[in-house]
Amino acid sequence: MRCLSLAGAALVMATLGSISSPADAQRRASSAQRATSAAQRAATAAAQRAKEDETWCWDANQEYSPQQRIAGCNGLLKSRTLLAEDRPYVIAMLGYSHHELQQYDEALEKFSEKIRLQPEVADGYGWRADVYLEQGENEQALDDYSKALTLQPNSRDAAGWYQNRGMARAHLGDLKGALQDYDRSLAIGGPDASLFLYRGDVYLDQRKYRDAIEDYSEAIELAPQDGRTWNARCWARGAQGRNLDKALADCEAALNLDGNSSDTHDSRGLVHLKQKEWEAALEDYETSRTLDPGAASAYFGHAIALQRLDRDDEAEADFKRALALDPKIAEKYEGWGVKRR
């Protein structure tokens, strides 16, 4: 066996010291493997997150909460894989979800951004108009619905746009324009209980009681479980002053569906006034204003009933309260055939 010199031994030791040991190699391999594994897990998690974002954002069946949809859509907007043509609709879904949460400023911001990206596409104007309408911004709603209908008059949403534009026009006092829009909506979309209800309301405002009653009857046929339709016909018959027994039956049907409706108690109160049943009217108006303390009609009707019972001092307090809530309430009651003494 050949022996190394001290110098040779030193060189070997120095060389060995610069070469990785099997343990070092194993540690490096394990570290690299862990790094690769972590990267794979991160990639898998990112893919799962992206899929979850997509599922939450494009929630066609509304299985997820608005907050989840907002989170999903925001995630998609940050994704590098989001197609340019999809971006406006992700933004629109954000607007839709904010609207559902009644976060109107955020909804308007998102729909306006969608319109900026696609100014010649009708749907963004329709969605923004819905927010304006719900906020009572009827002029803005009217403009946006009109823009949507101009851009895409044959859209599948056109019937809804005509209906909602009719509502905006009715709120603005354009009853003729509202009727025209409701008629267009019926022609395009076919019979709809809400549409008959809204058109009936316009006829009621025009004192066209027979037409209003016909539309409310159509609404009842289509939606017999909706107490609003029964109440509307009760009110129209009460205001007309004919078929008061039928009016009372309509109010009873409405109350059977919703016993806590302030409006229906108010309607039945009017019917009792027309029937000269003062005590019964008092009871209904008391219930109505308890359910809705801001109901001017309930205070005014209550005051009329008190006056007919010669309780003038009590009546005067109710008259003042009613007029404070609605300065035109006396004029409205005269239109319905009930005058203050």
C-alpha atoms as a PDB file:
ATOM      1  CA  MET A   1       0.000   0.000   0.000  1.00  0.00           C
ATOM      2  CA  ARG A   2       1.321   3.316  -1.060  1.00  0.00           C
ATOM      3  CA  CYS A   3       1.384   6.033   1.555  1.00  0.00           C
ATOM      4  CA  LEU A   4       0.671   9.680   0.814  1.00  0.00           C
ATOM      5  CA  SER A   5       3.103  12.336   1.794  1.00  0.00           C
ATOM      6  CA  LEU A   6       1.964  14.946   4.197  1.00  0.00           C
ATOM      7  CA  ALA A   7       1.723  17.421   1.345  1.00  0.00           C
ATOM      8  CA  GLY A   8      -0.326  15.007  -0.687  1.00  0.00           C
ATOM      9  CA  ALA A   9      -2.572  14.254   2.223  1.00  0.00           C
ATOM     10  CA  ALA A  10      -3.150  17.961   2.767  1.00  0.00           C
ATOM     11  CA  LEU A  11      -4.083  18.407  -0.907  1.00  0.00           C
ATOM     12  CA  VAL A  12      -6.560  15.541  -0.751  1.00  0.00           C
ATOM     13  CA  MET A  13      -8.143  16.935   2.408  1.00  0.00           C
ATOM     14  CA  ALA A  14      -8.379  20.350   0.816  1.00  0.00           C
ATOM     15  CA  THR A  15      -9.988  18.819  -2.268  1.00  0.00           C
ATOM     16  CA  LEU A  16     -12.404  16.775  -0.209  1.00  0.00           C
ATOM     17  CA  GLY A  17     -13.343  19.877   1.705  1.00  0.00           C
ATOM     18  CA  SER A  18     -14.397  21.585  -1.520  1.00  0.00           C
ATOM     19  CA  ILE A  19     -16.514  18.643  -2.764  1.00  0.00           C
ATOM     20  CA  SER A  20     -20.097  18.154  -1.552  1.00  0.00           C
ATOM     21  CA  SER A  21     -20.624  15.239   0.673  1.00  0.00           C
ATOM     22  CA  PRO A  22     -23.481  12.821  -0.012  1.00  0.00           C
ATOM     23  CA  ALA A  23     -25.294  14.467   2.885  1.00  0.00           C
ATOM     24  CA  ASP A  24     -24.878  17.898   1.288  1.00  0.00           C
ATOM     25  CA  ALA A  25     -26.137  16.581  -2.030  1.00  0.00           C
ATOM     26  CA  GLN A  26     -29.146  15.000  -0.343  1.00  0.00           C
ATOM     27  CA  ARG A  27     -29.959  18.215   1.500  1.00  0.00           C
ATOM     28  CA  ARG A  28     -29.734  20.216  -1.727  1.00  0.00           C
ATOM     29  CA  ALA A  29     -31.913  17.701  -3.564  1.00  0.00           C
ATOM     30  CA  SER A  30     -34.492  17.804  -0.771  1.00  0.00           C
ATOM     31  CA  SER A  31     -34.440  21.607  -0.772  1.00  0.00           C
ATOM     32  CA  ALA A  32     -34.913  21.735  -4.545  1.00  0.00           C
ATOM     33  CA  GLN A  33     -37.646  19.146  -4.307  1.00  0.00           C
ATOM     34  CA  ARG A  34     -39.390  21.180  -1.614  1.00  0.00           C
ATOM     35  CA  ALA A  35     -39.071  24.328  -3.731  1.00  0.00           C
ATOM     36  CA  THR A  36     -40.509  22.516  -6.739  1.00  0.00           C
ATOM     37  CA  SER A  37     -43.284  21.076  -4.596  1.00  0.00           C
ATOM     38  CA  ALA A  38     -44.098  24.522  -3.151  1.00  0.00           C
ATOM     39  CA  ALA A  39     -44.190  26.022  -6.629  1.00  0.00           C
ATOM     40  CA  GLN A  40     -46.500  23.267  -7.792  1.00  0.00           C
ATOM     41  CA  ARG A  41     -48.753  23.782  -4.792  1.00  0.00           C
ATOM     42  CA  ALA A  42     -48.776  27.533  -5.432  1.00  0.00           C
ATOM     43  CA  ALA A  43     -49.626  26.965  -9.078  1.00  0.00           C
ATOM     44  CA  THR A  44     -52.373  24.504  -8.159  1.00  0.00           C
ATOM     45  CA  ALA A  45     -53.773  26.905  -5.563  1.00  0.00           C
ATOM     46  CA  ALA A  46     -53.688  29.753  -8.071  1.00  0.00           C
ATOM     47  CA  ALA A  47     -55.507  27.620 -10.623  1.00  0.00           C
ATOM     48  CA  GLN A  48     -58.104  26.636  -8.049  1.00  0.00           C
ATOM     49  CA  ARG A  49     -58.471  30.253  -6.978  1.00  0.00           C
ATOM     50  CA  ALA A  50     -58.909  31.341 -10.601  1.00  0.00           C
ATOM     51  CA  LYS A  51     -61.555  28.661 -11.141  1.00  0.00           C
ATOM     52  CA  GLU A  52     -63.323  29.732  -7.953  1.00  0.00           C
ATOM     53  CA  ASP A  53     -63.185  33.382  -9.034  1.00  0.00           C
ATOM     54  CA  GLU A  54     -64.703  32.457 -12.373  1.00  0.00           C
ATOM     55  CA  THR A  55     -67.425  30.357 -10.746  1.00  0.00           C
ATOM     56  CA  TRP A  56     -68.317  33.079  -8.246  1.00  0.00           C
ATOM     57  CA  CYS A  57     -68.249  35.917 -10.755  1.00  0.00           C
ATOM     58  CA  TRP A  58     -70.222  34.225 -13.545  1.00  0.00           C
ATOM     59  CA  ASP A  59     -72.918  33.154 -11.094  1.00  0.00           C
ATOM     60  CA  ALA A  60     -75.693  32.574 -13.629  1.00  0.00           C
ATOM     61  CA  ASN A  61     -77.848  30.579 -11.201  1.00  0.00           C
ATOM     62  CA  GLN A  62     -77.289  33.015  -8.303  1.00  0.00           C
ATOM     63  CA  GLU A  63     -75.936  30.296  -6.044  1.00  0.00           C
ATOM     64  CA  TYR A  64     -73.481  32.623  -4.326  1.00  0.00           C
ATOM     65  CA  SER A  65     -73.841  35.784  -2.283  1.00  0.00           C
ATOM     66  CA  PRO A  66     -73.254  39.225  -3.835  1.00  0.00           C
ATOM     67  CA  GLN A  67     -70.138  39.526  -1.677  1.00  0.00           C
ATOM     68  CA  GLN A  68     -68.760  36.294  -3.160  1.00  0.00           C
ATOM     69  CA  ARG A  69     -69.536  37.496  -6.683  1.00  0.00           C
ATOM     70  CA  ILE A  70     -67.723  40.772  -5.971  1.00  0.00           C
ATOM     71  CA  ALA A  71     -64.692  38.885  -4.649  1.00  0.00           C
ATOM     72  CA  GLY A  72     -64.693  36.560  -7.653  1.00  0.00           C
ATOM     73  CA  CYS A  73     -65.023  39.350 -10.194  1.00  0.00           C
ATOM     74  CA  ASN A  74     -62.264  41.398  -8.562  1.00  0.00           C
ATOM     75  CA  GLY A  75     -60.081  38.310  -8.688  1.00  0.00           C
ATOM     76  CA  LEU A  76     -60.770  37.857 -12.386  1.00  0.00           C
ATOM     77  CA  LEU A  77     -59.909  41.488 -13.096  1.00  0.00           C
ATOM     78  CA  LYS A  78     -56.470  40.866 -11.594  1.00  0.00           C
ATOM     79  CA  SER A  79     -55.969  37.714 -13.648  1.00  0.00           C
ATOM     80  CA  ARG A  80     -53.597  37.797 -16.608  1.00  0.00           C
ATOM     81  CA  THR A  81     -55.743  35.243 -18.407  1.00  0.00           C
ATOM     82  CA  LEU A  82     -58.904  37.379 -18.534  1.00  0.00           C
ATOM     83  CA  LEU A  83     -59.871  37.959 -22.173  1.00  0.00           C
ATOM     84  CA  ALA A  84     -60.280  41.586 -23.227  1.00  0.00           C
ATOM     85  CA  GLU A  85     -63.795  40.948 -24.529  1.00  0.00           C
ATOM     86  CA  ASP A  86     -64.825  39.529 -21.143  1.00  0.00           C
ATOM     87  CA  ARG A  87     -63.550  42.444 -19.088  1.00  0.00           C
ATOM     88  CA  PRO A  88     -66.588  44.751 -19.613  1.00  0.00           C
ATOM     89  CA  TYR A  89     -68.946  42.015 -18.447  1.00  0.00           C
ATOM     90  CA  VAL A  90     -66.879  41.220 -15.358  1.00  0.00           C
ATOM     91  CA  ILE A  91     -67.163  44.912 -14.515  1.00  0.00           C
ATOM     92  CA  ALA A  92     -70.902  44.750 -15.218  1.00  0.00           C
ATOM     93  CA  MET A  93     -71.243  41.787 -12.842  1.00  0.00           C
ATOM     94  CA  LEU A  94     -69.592  43.914 -10.178  1.00  0.00           C
ATOM     95  CA  GLY A  95     -72.170  46.619 -10.851  1.00  0.00           C
ATOM     96  CA  TYR A  96     -74.994  44.080 -10.702  1.00  0.00           C
ATOM     97  CA  SER A  97     -73.764  42.729  -7.359  1.00  0.00           C
ATOM     98  CA  HIS A  98     -73.338  46.195  -5.851  1.00  0.00           C
ATOM     99  CA  HIS A  99     -76.851  47.057  -7.018  1.00  0.00           C
ATOM    100  CA  GLU A 100     -78.188  43.949  -5.309  1.00  0.00           C
ATOM    101  CA  LEU A 101     -76.544  45.165  -2.088  1.00  0.00           C
ATOM    102  CA  GLN A 102     -78.112  48.616  -2.655  1.00  0.00           C
ATOM    103  CA  GLN A 103     -74.638  50.093  -2.950  1.00  0.00           C
ATOM    104  CA  TYR A 104     -75.847  52.492  -5.606  1.00  0.00           C
ATOM    105  CA  ASP A 105     -72.764  54.675  -6.010  1.00  0.00           C
ATOM    106  CA  GLU A 106     -70.551  51.651  -6.587  1.00  0.00           C
ATOM    107  CA  ALA A 107     -73.083  50.126  -8.989  1.00  0.00           C
ATOM    108  CA  LEU A 108     -73.320  53.332 -11.017  1.00  0.00           C
ATOM    109  CA  GLU A 109     -69.523  53.581 -11.142  1.00  0.00           C
ATOM    110  CA  LYS A 110     -69.161  50.048 -12.518  1.00  0.00           C
ATOM    111  CA  PHE A 111     -71.968  50.347 -15.063  1.00  0.00           C
ATOM    112  CA  SER A 112     -70.554  53.694 -16.220  1.00  0.00           C
ATOM    113  CA  GLU A 113     -67.158  52.039 -16.675  1.00  0.00           C
ATOM    114  CA  LYS A 114     -68.809  49.269 -18.673  1.00  0.00           C
ATOM    115  CA  ILE A 115     -70.472  51.905 -20.886  1.00  0.00           C
ATOM    116  CA  ARG A 116     -67.124  53.673 -21.352  1.00  0.00           C
ATOM    117  CA  LEU A 117     -65.591  50.420 -22.585  1.00  0.00           C
ATOM    118  CA  GLN A 118     -68.585  49.554 -24.804  1.00  0.00           C
ATOM    119  CA  PRO A 119     -70.437  52.792 -25.629  1.00  0.00           C
ATOM    120  CA  GLU A 120     -72.322  51.213 -28.548  1.00  0.00           C
ATOM    121  CA  VAL A 121     -73.636  48.222 -26.577  1.00  0.00           C
ATOM    122  CA  ALA A 122     -77.141  48.686 -25.153  1.00  0.00           C
ATOM    123  CA  ASP A 123     -77.109  46.502 -22.054  1.00  0.00           C
ATOM    124  CA  GLY A 124     -74.874  48.770 -19.953  1.00  0.00           C
ATOM    125  CA  TYR A 125     -77.317  51.643 -20.351  1.00  0.00           C
ATOM    126  CA  GLY A 126     -80.197  49.391 -19.338  1.00  0.00           C
ATOM    127  CA  TRP A 127     -78.438  48.219 -16.190  1.00  0.00           C
ATOM    128  CA  ARG A 128     -77.437  51.744 -15.200  1.00  0.00           C
ATOM    129  CA  ALA A 129     -80.998  52.933 -15.829  1.00  0.00           C
ATOM    130  CA  ASP A 130     -82.282  50.290 -13.394  1.00  0.00           C
ATOM    131  CA  VAL A 131     -80.148  51.828 -10.650  1.00  0.00           C
ATOM    132  CA  TYR A 132     -81.319  55.341 -11.481  1.00  0.00           C
ATOM    133  CA  LEU A 133     -84.957  54.200 -11.456  1.00  0.00           C
ATOM    134  CA  GLU A 134     -84.601  52.553  -8.057  1.00  0.00           C
ATOM    135  CA  GLN A 135     -83.012  55.722  -6.696  1.00  0.00           C
ATOM    136  CA  GLY A 136     -85.842  57.866  -8.027  1.00  0.00           C
ATOM    137  CA  GLU A 137     -83.538  59.574 -10.552  1.00  0.00           C
ATOM    138  CA  ASN A 138     -86.207  59.354 -13.227  1.00  0.00           C
ATOM    139  CA  GLU A 139     -84.727  61.785 -15.755  1.00  0.00           C
ATOM    140  CA  GLN A 140     -81.442  59.865 -15.851  1.00  0.00           C
ATOM    141  CA  ALA A 141     -83.315  56.555 -16.021  1.00  0.00           C
ATOM    142  CA  LEU A 142     -85.415  57.833 -18.922  1.00  0.00           C
ATOM    143  CA  ASP A 143     -82.305  58.917 -20.836  1.00  0.00           C
ATOM    144  CA  ASP A 144     -80.510  55.599 -20.332  1.00  0.00           C
ATOM    145  CA  TYR A 145     -83.522  53.416 -21.243  1.00  0.00           C
ATOM    146  CA  SER A 146     -84.032  55.541 -24.359  1.00  0.00           C
ATOM    147  CA  LYS A 147     -80.359  55.102 -25.317  1.00  0.00           C
ATOM    148  CA  ALA A 148     -80.574  51.346 -24.826  1.00  0.00           C
ATOM    149  CA  LEU A 149     -83.713  51.118 -26.977  1.00  0.00           C
ATOM    150  CA  THR A 150     -82.137  53.258 -29.687  1.00  0.00           C
ATOM    151  CA  LEU A 151     -79.019  51.084 -29.813  1.00  0.00           C
ATOM    152  CA  GLN A 152     -80.824  47.754 -29.699  1.00  0.00           C
ATOM    153  CA  PRO A 153     -84.609  48.031 -30.201  1.00  0.00           C
ATOM    154  CA  ASN A 154     -84.951  44.284 -30.788  1.00  0.00           C
ATOM    155  CA  SER A 155     -83.034  43.224 -27.694  1.00  0.00           C
ATOM    156  CA  ARG A 156     -84.455  40.423 -25.587  1.00  0.00           C
ATOM    157  CA  ASP A 157     -84.520  43.011 -22.805  1.00  0.00           C
ATOM    158  CA  ALA A 158     -86.524  45.555 -24.818  1.00  0.00           C
ATOM    159  CA  ALA A 159     -89.858  44.666 -23.179  1.00  0.00           C
ATOM    160  CA  GLY A 160     -88.351  45.301 -19.755  1.00  0.00           C
ATOM    161  CA  TRP A 161     -86.758  48.550 -20.893  1.00  0.00           C
ATOM    162  CA  TYR A 162     -90.084  49.810 -22.251  1.00  0.00           C
ATOM    163  CA  GLN A 163     -91.841  48.830 -19.017  1.00  0.00           C
ATOM    164  CA  ASN A 164     -89.276  50.538 -16.813  1.00  0.00           C
ATOM    165  CA  ARG A 165     -89.143  53.615 -19.041  1.00  0.00           C
ATOM    166  CA  GLY A 166     -92.916  53.754 -18.668  1.00  0.00           C
ATOM    167  CA  MET A 167     -92.477  53.769 -14.886  1.00  0.00           C
ATOM    168  CA  ALA A 168     -89.966  56.611 -15.118  1.00  0.00           C
ATOM    169  CA  ARG A 169     -92.335  58.594 -17.337  1.00  0.00           C
ATOM    170  CA  ALA A 170     -95.241  57.979 -14.972  1.00  0.00           C
ATOM    171  CA  HIS A 171     -93.158  59.268 -12.043  1.00  0.00           C
ATOM    172  CA  LEU A 172     -92.340  62.350 -14.106  1.00  0.00           C
ATOM    173  CA  GLY A 173     -96.028  62.962 -14.824  1.00  0.00           C
ATOM    174  CA  ASP A 174     -95.901  61.948 -18.494  1.00  0.00           C
ATOM    175  CA  LEU A 175     -98.896  59.611 -18.284  1.00  0.00           C
ATOM    176  CA  LYS A 176     -99.470  59.500 -22.052  1.00  0.00           C
ATOM    177  CA  GLY A 177     -95.846  58.503 -22.663  1.00  0.00           C
ATOM    178  CA  ALA A 178     -96.047  55.921 -19.886  1.00  0.00           C
ATOM    179  CA  LEU A 179     -99.093  54.289 -21.484  1.00  0.00           C
ATOM    180  CA  GLN A 180     -97.329  54.162 -24.844  1.00  0.00           C
ATOM    181  CA  ASP A 181     -94.337  52.419 -23.302  1.00  0.00           C
ATOM    182  CA  TYR A 182     -96.510  49.954 -21.385  1.00  0.00           C
ATOM    183  CA  ASP A 183     -98.394  49.138 -24.597  1.00  0.00           C
ATOM    184  CA  ARG A 184     -95.087  48.521 -26.426  1.00  0.00           C
ATOM    185  CA  SER A 185     -93.883  46.303 -23.613  1.00  0.00           C
ATOM    186  CA  LEU A 186     -97.086  44.233 -23.772  1.00  0.00           C
ATOM    187  CA  ALA A 187     -96.801  43.929 -27.542  1.00  0.00           C
ATOM    188  CA  ILE A 188     -93.215  42.661 -27.305  1.00  0.00           C
ATOM    189  CA  GLY A 189     -93.215  40.631 -24.121  1.00  0.00           C
ATOM    190  CA  GLY A 190     -96.807  39.462 -23.822  1.00  0.00           C
ATOM    191  CA  PRO A 191     -99.065  39.483 -20.737  1.00  0.00           C
ATOM    192  CA  ASP A 192     -97.355  40.313 -17.463  1.00  0.00           C
ATOM    193  CA  ALA A 193     -99.016  40.884 -14.086  1.00  0.00           C
ATOM    194  CA  SER A 194     -96.695  43.700 -13.023  1.00  0.00           C
ATOM    195  CA  LEU A 195     -97.186  45.465 -16.338  1.00  0.00           C
ATOM    196  CA  PHE A 196    -100.974  45.338 -16.048  1.00  0.00           C
ATOM    197  CA  LEU A 197    -100.637  46.627 -12.491  1.00  0.00           C
ATOM    198  CA  TYR A 198     -98.465  49.577 -13.552  1.00  0.00           C
ATOM    199  CA  ARG A 199    -100.674  50.452 -16.523  1.00  0.00           C
ATOM    200  CA  GLY A 200    -103.711  50.233 -14.257  1.00  0.00           C
ATOM    201  CA  ASP A 201    -102.053  52.732 -11.930  1.00  0.00           C
ATOM    202  CA  VAL A 202    -101.719  55.205 -14.813  1.00  0.00           C
ATOM    203  CA  TYR A 203    -105.387  54.778 -15.712  1.00  0.00           C
ATOM    204  CA  LEU A 204    -106.217  55.322 -12.046  1.00  0.00           C
ATOM    205  CA  ASP A 205    -104.253  58.582 -12.023  1.00  0.00           C
ATOM    206  CA  GLN A 206    -106.223  59.628 -15.097  1.00  0.00           C
ATOM    207  CA  ARG A 207    -109.484  58.777 -13.283  1.00  0.00           C
ATOM    208  CA  LYS A 208    -110.168  56.140 -15.948  1.00  0.00           C
ATOM    209  CA  TYR A 209    -111.517  53.738 -13.369  1.00  0.00           C
ATOM    210  CA  ARG A 210    -113.065  51.218 -15.755  1.00  0.00           C
ATOM    211  CA  ASP A 211    -109.784  50.805 -17.657  1.00  0.00           C
ATOM    212  CA  ALA A 212    -107.866  50.572 -14.376  1.00  0.00           C
ATOM    213  CA  ILE A 213    -110.218  47.884 -13.047  1.00  0.00           C
ATOM    214  CA  GLU A 214    -109.850  45.892 -16.283  1.00  0.00           C
ATOM    215  CA  ASP A 215    -106.059  45.960 -16.030  1.00  0.00           C
ATOM    216  CA  TYR A 216    -106.093  45.062 -12.341  1.00  0.00           C
ATOM    217  CA  SER A 217    -108.416  42.150 -13.150  1.00  0.00           C
ATOM    218  CA  GLU A 218    -105.901  40.935 -15.757  1.00  0.00           C
ATOM    219  CA  ALA A 219    -103.155  41.193 -13.142  1.00  0.00           C
ATOM    220  CA  ILE A 220    -105.236  39.163 -10.670  1.00  0.00           C
ATOM    221  CA  GLU A 221    -105.756  36.439 -13.287  1.00  0.00           C
ATOM    222  CA  LEU A 222    -102.010  36.210 -13.827  1.00  0.00           C
ATOM    223  CA  ALA A 223    -100.921  36.604 -10.189  1.00  0.00           C
ATOM    224  CA  PRO A 224    -103.789  35.674  -7.845  1.00  0.00           C
ATOM    225  CA  GLN A 225    -101.409  35.281  -4.894  1.00  0.00           C
ATOM    226  CA  ASP A 226    -100.141  38.850  -5.124  1.00  0.00           C
ATOM    227  CA  GLY A 227    -102.061  40.967  -2.622  1.00  0.00           C
ATOM    228  CA  ARG A 228    -101.093  44.178  -4.413  1.00  0.00           C
ATOM    229  CA  THR A 229    -103.310  43.337  -7.384  1.00  0.00           C
ATOM    230  CA  TRP A 230    -106.369  42.709  -5.199  1.00  0.00           C
ATOM    231  CA  ASN A 231    -105.711  45.886  -3.246  1.00  0.00           C
ATOM    232  CA  ALA A 232    -105.328  47.926  -6.429  1.00  0.00           C
ATOM    233  CA  ARG A 233    -108.722  46.798  -7.696  1.00  0.00           C
ATOM    234  CA  CYS A 234    -110.256  47.436  -4.278  1.00  0.00           C
ATOM    235  CA  TRP A 235    -108.926  51.001  -4.350  1.00  0.00           C
ATOM    236  CA  ALA A 236    -110.084  51.644  -7.928  1.00  0.00           C
ATOM    237  CA  ARG A 237    -113.592  50.406  -7.143  1.00  0.00           C
ATOM    238  CA  GLY A 238    -113.636  52.434  -3.937  1.00  0.00           C
ATOM    239  CA  ALA A 239    -112.493  55.596  -5.729  1.00  0.00           C
ATOM    240  CA  GLN A 240    -115.046  54.991  -8.473  1.00  0.00           C
ATOM    241  CA  GLY A 241    -117.759  54.630  -5.832  1.00  0.00           C
ATOM    242  CA  ARG A 242    -119.456  51.699  -7.555  1.00  0.00           C
ATOM    243  CA  ASN A 243    -119.658  48.024  -6.675  1.00  0.00           C
ATOM    244  CA  LEU A 244    -118.542  48.795  -3.123  1.00  0.00           C
ATOM    245  CA  ASP A 245    -119.385  45.283  -1.959  1.00  0.00           C
ATOM    246  CA  LYS A 246    -117.028  43.939  -4.641  1.00  0.00           C
ATOM    247  CA  ALA A 247    -114.425  46.493  -3.561  1.00  0.00           C
ATOM    248  CA  LEU A 248    -114.702  45.277   0.013  1.00  0.00           C
ATOM    249  CA  ALA A 249    -114.312  41.669  -1.148  1.00  0.00           C
ATOM    250  CA  ASP A 250    -111.153  42.634  -3.037  1.00  0.00           C
ATOM    251  CA  CYS A 251    -109.693  44.238   0.074  1.00  0.00           C
ATOM    252  CA  GLU A 252    -110.559  41.151   2.135  1.00  0.00           C
ATOM    253  CA  ALA A 253    -108.779  38.963  -0.428  1.00  0.00           C
ATOM    254  CA  ALA A 254    -105.730  41.236  -0.266  1.00  0.00           C
ATOM    255  CA  LEU A 255    -105.667  41.158   3.539  1.00  0.00           C
ATOM    256  CA  ASN A 256    -105.961  37.375   3.532  1.00  0.00           C
ATOM    257  CA  LEU A 257    -102.714  37.360   1.562  1.00  0.00           C
ATOM    258  CA  ASP A 258    -101.026  40.114   3.598  1.00  0.00           C
ATOM    259  CA  GLY A 259    -102.761  41.207   6.776  1.00  0.00           C
ATOM    260  CA  ASN A 260    -100.083  43.776   7.577  1.00  0.00           C
ATOM    261  CA  SER A 261    -100.475  45.863   4.444  1.00  0.00           C
ATOM    262  CA  SER A 262    -100.888  49.519   5.359  1.00  0.00           C
ATOM    263  CA  ASP A 263    -102.066  50.272   1.830  1.00  0.00           C
ATOM    264  CA  THR A 264    -104.855  47.701   1.944  1.00  0.00           C
ATOM    265  CA  HIS A 265    -106.169  48.930   5.291  1.00  0.00           C
ATOM    266  CA  ASP A 266    -106.118  52.422   3.790  1.00  0.00           C
ATOM    267  CA  SER A 267    -108.069  51.183   0.749  1.00  0.00           C
ATOM    268  CA  ARG A 268    -110.663  49.444   2.880  1.00  0.00           C
ATOM    269  CA  GLY A 269    -110.946  52.616   4.945  1.00  0.00           C
ATOM    270  CA  LEU A 270    -111.888  54.507   1.761  1.00  0.00           C
ATOM    271  CA  VAL A 271    -114.519  51.885   0.923  1.00  0.00           C
ATOM    272  CA  HIS A 272    -116.001  52.224   4.411  1.00  0.00           C
ATOM    273  CA  LEU A 273    -116.101  56.010   3.980  1.00  0.00           C
ATOM    274  CA  LYS A 274    -118.031  55.575   0.733  1.00  0.00           C
ATOM    275  CA  GLN A 275    -120.379  53.189   2.572  1.00  0.00           C
ATOM    276  CA  LYS A 276    -120.751  55.753   5.401  1.00  0.00           C
ATOM    277  CA  GLU A 277    -119.467  53.193   7.890  1.00  0.00           C
ATOM    278  CA  TRP A 278    -117.512  55.735   9.945  1.00  0.00           C
ATOM    279  CA  GLU A 279    -116.429  53.505  12.850  1.00  0.00           C
ATOM    280  CA  ALA A 280    -115.182  50.784  10.505  1.00  0.00           C
ATOM    281  CA  ALA A 281    -113.300  53.429   8.514  1.00  0.00           C
ATOM    282  CA  LEU A 282    -111.701  54.763  11.697  1.00  0.00           C
ATOM    283  CA  GLU A 283    -110.478  51.300  12.627  1.00  0.00           C
ATOM    284  CA  ASP A 284    -108.888  50.669   9.227  1.00  0.00           C
ATOM    285  CA  TYR A 285    -107.210  54.082   9.067  1.00  0.00           C
ATOM    286  CA  GLU A 286    -105.850  53.655  12.594  1.00  0.00           C
ATOM    287  CA  THR A 287    -104.335  50.321  11.582  1.00  0.00           C
ATOM    288  CA  SER A 288    -102.935  51.811   8.378  1.00  0.00           C
ATOM    289  CA  ARG A 289    -101.155  54.692  10.092  1.00  0.00           C
ATOM    290  CA  THR A 290     -99.852  52.374  12.809  1.00  0.00           C
ATOM    291  CA  LEU A 291     -98.280  50.183  10.136  1.00  0.00           C
ATOM    292  CA  ASP A 292     -97.011  53.238   8.230  1.00  0.00           C
ATOM    293  CA  PRO A 293     -96.763  56.426  10.314  1.00  0.00           C
ATOM    294  CA  GLY A 294     -95.865  58.389   7.181  1.00  0.00           C
ATOM    295  CA  ALA A 295     -99.099  57.566   5.330  1.00  0.00           C
ATOM    296  CA  ALA A 296    -100.786  60.923   4.682  1.00  0.00           C
ATOM    297  CA  SER A 297    -103.894  59.237   3.275  1.00  0.00           C
ATOM    298  CA  ALA A 298    -104.455  57.288   6.485  1.00  0.00           C
ATOM    299  CA  TYR A 299    -104.374  60.485   8.584  1.00  0.00           C
ATOM    300  CA  PHE A 300    -106.665  62.347   6.190  1.00  0.00           C
ATOM    301  CA  GLY A 301    -109.168  59.490   5.932  1.00  0.00           C
ATOM    302  CA  HIS A 302    -109.100  59.107   9.707  1.00  0.00           C
ATOM    303  CA  ALA A 303    -109.830  62.831  10.044  1.00  0.00           C
ATOM    304  CA  ILE A 304    -112.771  62.583   7.622  1.00  0.00           C
ATOM    305  CA  ALA A 305    -114.275  59.731   9.642  1.00  0.00           C
ATOM    306  CA  LEU A 306    -113.804  61.690  12.885  1.00  0.00           C
ATOM    307  CA  GLN A 307    -115.446  64.720  11.313  1.00  0.00           C
ATOM    308  CA  ARG A 308    -118.451  62.678  10.214  1.00  0.00           C
ATOM    309  CA  LEU A 309    -118.756  61.519  13.836  1.00  0.00           C
ATOM    310  CA  ASP A 310    -118.700  65.165  14.997  1.00  0.00           C
ATOM    311  CA  ARG A 311    -115.330  64.786  16.676  1.00  0.00           C
ATOM    312  CA  ASP A 312    -114.016  67.942  15.049  1.00  0.00           C
ATOM    313  CA  ASP A 313    -111.182  68.764  17.468  1.00  0.00           C
ATOM    314  CA  GLU A 314    -109.607  65.348  16.987  1.00  0.00           C
ATOM    315  CA  ALA A 315    -110.190  65.584  13.257  1.00  0.00           C
ATOM    316  CA  GLU A 316    -108.365  68.909  13.022  1.00  0.00           C
ATOM    317  CA  ALA A 317    -105.172  67.444  14.476  1.00  0.00           C
ATOM    318  CA  ASP A 318    -105.258  64.629  11.918  1.00  0.00           C
ATOM    319  CA  PHE A 319    -105.904  67.056   9.056  1.00  0.00           C
ATOM    320  CA  LYS A 320    -102.837  69.061  10.044  1.00  0.00           C
ATOM    321  CA  ARG A 321    -100.705  65.931  10.238  1.00  0.00           C
ATOM    322  CA  ALA A 322    -101.933  64.712   6.832  1.00  0.00           C
ATOM    323  CA  LEU A 323    -101.291  68.047   5.130  1.00  0.00           C
ATOM    324  CA  ALA A 324     -97.816  68.222   6.647  1.00  0.00           C
ATOM    325  CA  LEU A 325     -97.065  64.837   5.100  1.00  0.00           C
ATOM    326  CA  ASP A 326     -98.676  65.648   1.744  1.00  0.00           C
ATOM    327  CA  PRO A 327     -99.859  69.209   1.006  1.00  0.00           C
ATOM    328  CA  LYS A 328    -102.002  67.916  -1.890  1.00  0.00           C
ATOM    329  CA  ILE A 329    -103.813  65.195   0.045  1.00  0.00           C
ATOM    330  CA  ALA A 330    -107.094  67.126   0.330  1.00  0.00           C
ATOM    331  CA  GLU A 331    -107.088  67.674  -3.436  1.00  0.00           C
ATOM    332  CA  LYS A 332    -106.483  63.968  -4.007  1.00  0.00           C
ATOM    333  CA  TYR A 333    -109.363  62.962  -1.729  1.00  0.00           C
ATOM    334  CA  GLU A 334    -111.683  65.336  -3.590  1.00  0.00           C
ATOM    335  CA  GLY A 335    -110.690  63.563  -6.784  1.00  0.00           C
ATOM    336  CA  TRP A 336    -111.739  60.323  -5.116  1.00  0.00           C
ATOM    337  CA  GLY A 337    -115.087  61.806  -4.188  1.00  0.00           C
ATOM    338  CA  VAL A 338    -114.430  62.583  -0.520  1.00  0.00           C
ATOM    339  CA  LYS A 339    -114.482  66.216   0.667  1.00  0.00           C
ATOM    340  CA  ARG A 340    -113.564  67.790   3.947  1.00  0.00           C
ATOM    341  CA  ARG A 341    -116.419  69.715   5.538  1.00  0.00           C
END
